[in-house]
């Protein structure tokens, strides 16, 4: 039943991340602001590139979660994106309700790095 649980988690989180990342990835006007948030991890150059990468990580990372391919790299990219989002909210002095979403996703993506995608995935080629 563990593999069924992982499919449910992968589908739910993957689709959610795709929906969340789509407007970032396909709206270049947002890239500069998104990428400028990398200042929270000490990076303050090429904000458009990093903004694009954030949208890419969320959209394609979500897609790869759904499919169960490139699973660990996708989870790592999504986890890093959530680190930046969490630091952004912390630096804005947002309340826990705003901080918790990205923090909880960070924890889940790190945890998924240890579980793997499960047997029911395209990465395992055993559907």
Protein backbone atom coordinates (compact mmCIF):
# COMPACT_ATOMS: atom_id res chain seq x y z
CA UNK A 1 0.00 0.00 0.00
CA UNK A 2 3.03 2.29 0.44
CA UNK A 3 3.33 2.67 -3.33
CA UNK A 4 -0.34 3.65 -3.65
CA UNK A 5 0.26 6.30 -0.98
CA UNK A 6 3.26 7.62 -2.86
CA UNK A 7 1.21 7.88 -6.07
CA UNK A 8 -1.44 9.89 -4.23
CA UNK A 9 1.20 12.21 -2.78
CA UNK A 10 2.97 12.53 -6.13
CA UNK A 11 -0.23 13.33 -8.01
CA UNK A 12 -1.53 15.82 -5.46
CA UNK A 13 1.73 17.68 -4.95
CA UNK A 14 2.82 17.42 -8.57
CA UNK A 15 -0.38 18.87 -9.99
CA UNK A 16 -0.39 21.57 -7.32
CA UNK A 17 3.19 22.56 -8.13
CA UNK A 18 2.43 22.62 -11.87
CA UNK A 19 -0.53 24.94 -11.29
CA UNK A 20 1.60 27.09 -8.99
CA UNK A 21 4.55 27.19 -11.40
CA UNK A 22 2.70 27.69 -14.69
CA UNK A 23 2.08 31.44 -14.31
CA UNK A 24 5.68 31.94 -13.19
CA UNK A 25 7.24 29.95 -16.01
CA UNK A 26 5.11 31.36 -18.82
CA UNK A 27 5.06 34.99 -17.65
CA UNK A 28 8.53 36.49 -18.24
CA UNK A 29 7.45 39.74 -16.57
CA UNK A 30 7.56 37.88 -13.23
CA UNK A 31 11.06 36.44 -13.65
CA UNK A 32 13.01 39.45 -12.41
CA UNK A 33 11.06 39.77 -9.16
CA UNK A 34 11.11 36.03 -8.53
CA UNK A 35 14.82 35.77 -9.20
CA UNK A 36 15.58 38.77 -7.03
CA UNK A 37 14.47 36.70 -4.05
CA UNK A 38 17.70 34.72 -4.38
CA UNK A 39 19.25 37.56 -2.38
CA UNK A 40 17.98 35.61 0.66
CA UNK A 41 20.58 32.92 -0.09
CA UNK A 42 23.31 35.40 -0.99
CA UNK A 43 22.85 35.52 -4.78
CA UNK A 44 22.16 38.94 -6.27
CA UNK A 45 22.90 38.56 -9.98
CA UNK A 46 20.93 37.37 -13.05
CA UNK A 47 17.49 37.63 -11.41
CA UNK A 48 15.68 36.88 -14.68
CA UNK A 49 17.55 33.59 -15.02
CA UNK A 50 16.80 32.54 -11.45
CA UNK A 51 13.17 33.63 -11.80
CA UNK A 52 12.81 31.46 -14.89
CA UNK A 53 14.48 28.58 -13.04
CA UNK A 54 12.03 28.93 -10.14
CA UNK A 55 9.06 28.65 -12.51
CA UNK A 56 10.79 25.80 -14.35
CA UNK A 57 11.45 23.94 -11.09
CA UNK A 58 7.85 24.29 -9.95
CA UNK A 59 6.18 23.43 -13.25
CA UNK A 60 8.46 20.69 -14.57
CA UNK A 61 9.37 19.47 -11.10
CA UNK A 62 5.65 19.00 -10.52
CA UNK A 63 5.27 17.21 -13.85
CA UNK A 64 8.20 14.93 -13.05
CA UNK A 65 6.67 14.18 -9.64
CA UNK A 66 3.42 13.13 -11.31
CA UNK A 67 5.28 10.88 -13.75
CA UNK A 68 7.80 9.62 -11.22
CA UNK A 69 10.81 10.43 -13.42
CA UNK A 70 13.93 12.43 -12.47
CA UNK A 71 12.37 12.13 -9.05
CA UNK A 72 15.20 12.93 -6.63
CA UNK A 73 16.63 15.81 -8.71
CA UNK A 74 13.11 17.25 -9.00
CA UNK A 75 12.52 16.96 -5.26
CA UNK A 76 15.86 18.64 -4.57
CA UNK A 77 15.06 21.53 -6.94
CA UNK A 78 11.61 21.92 -5.42
CA UNK A 79 13.08 21.79 -1.91
CA UNK A 80 15.57 24.53 -2.77
CA UNK A 81 12.78 26.63 -4.28
CA UNK A 82 10.87 26.22 -1.01
CA UNK A 83 13.98 27.26 0.97
CA UNK A 84 14.03 30.54 -0.95
CA UNK A 85 10.27 30.99 -0.53
CA UNK A 86 10.49 30.30 3.21
CA UNK A 87 13.38 32.75 3.63
CA UNK A 88 11.42 35.35 1.67
CA UNK A 89 8.44 35.03 4.02
CA UNK A 90 10.68 35.08 7.09
CA UNK A 91 12.41 38.25 5.88
CA UNK A 92 9.03 39.86 5.24
CA UNK A 93 8.08 39.15 8.86
CA UNK A 94 5.07 37.26 7.58
CA UNK A 95 3.11 35.29 10.11
CA UNK A 96 3.32 31.55 10.46
CA UNK A 97 0.33 31.03 8.16
CA UNK A 98 2.30 32.53 5.26
CA UNK A 99 5.57 30.85 6.19
CA UNK A 100 4.11 27.41 6.85
CA UNK A 101 3.13 26.53 3.27
CA UNK A 102 6.63 26.72 1.83
CA UNK A 103 8.19 25.31 5.00
CA UNK A 104 5.89 22.29 4.99
CA UNK A 105 6.55 21.65 1.30
CA UNK A 106 10.28 21.89 1.95
CA UNK A 107 9.97 19.15 4.57
CA UNK A 108 7.86 16.96 2.28
CA UNK A 109 10.22 17.30 -0.70
CA UNK A 110 13.24 16.45 1.44
CA UNK A 111 11.36 13.46 2.85
CA UNK A 112 10.45 12.28 -0.66
CA UNK A 113 14.14 12.27 -1.56
CA UNK A 114 14.48 9.40 0.93
CA UNK A 115 11.38 7.44 -0.10
CA UNK A 116 11.82 7.66 -3.85
CA UNK A 117 8.95 7.68 -6.33
CA UNK A 118 7.77 4.17 -5.52
CA UNK A 119 7.17 1.18 -7.76
CA UNK A 120 4.24 2.77 -9.59
CA UNK A 121 6.14 5.30 -11.67
CA UNK A 122 7.52 5.76 -15.14
CA UNK A 123 10.97 5.95 -13.59
CA UNK A 124 10.60 2.33 -12.48
CA UNK A 125 9.01 1.28 -15.80
CA UNK A 126 6.69 -1.02 -13.85
CA UNK A 127 3.16 0.24 -14.26
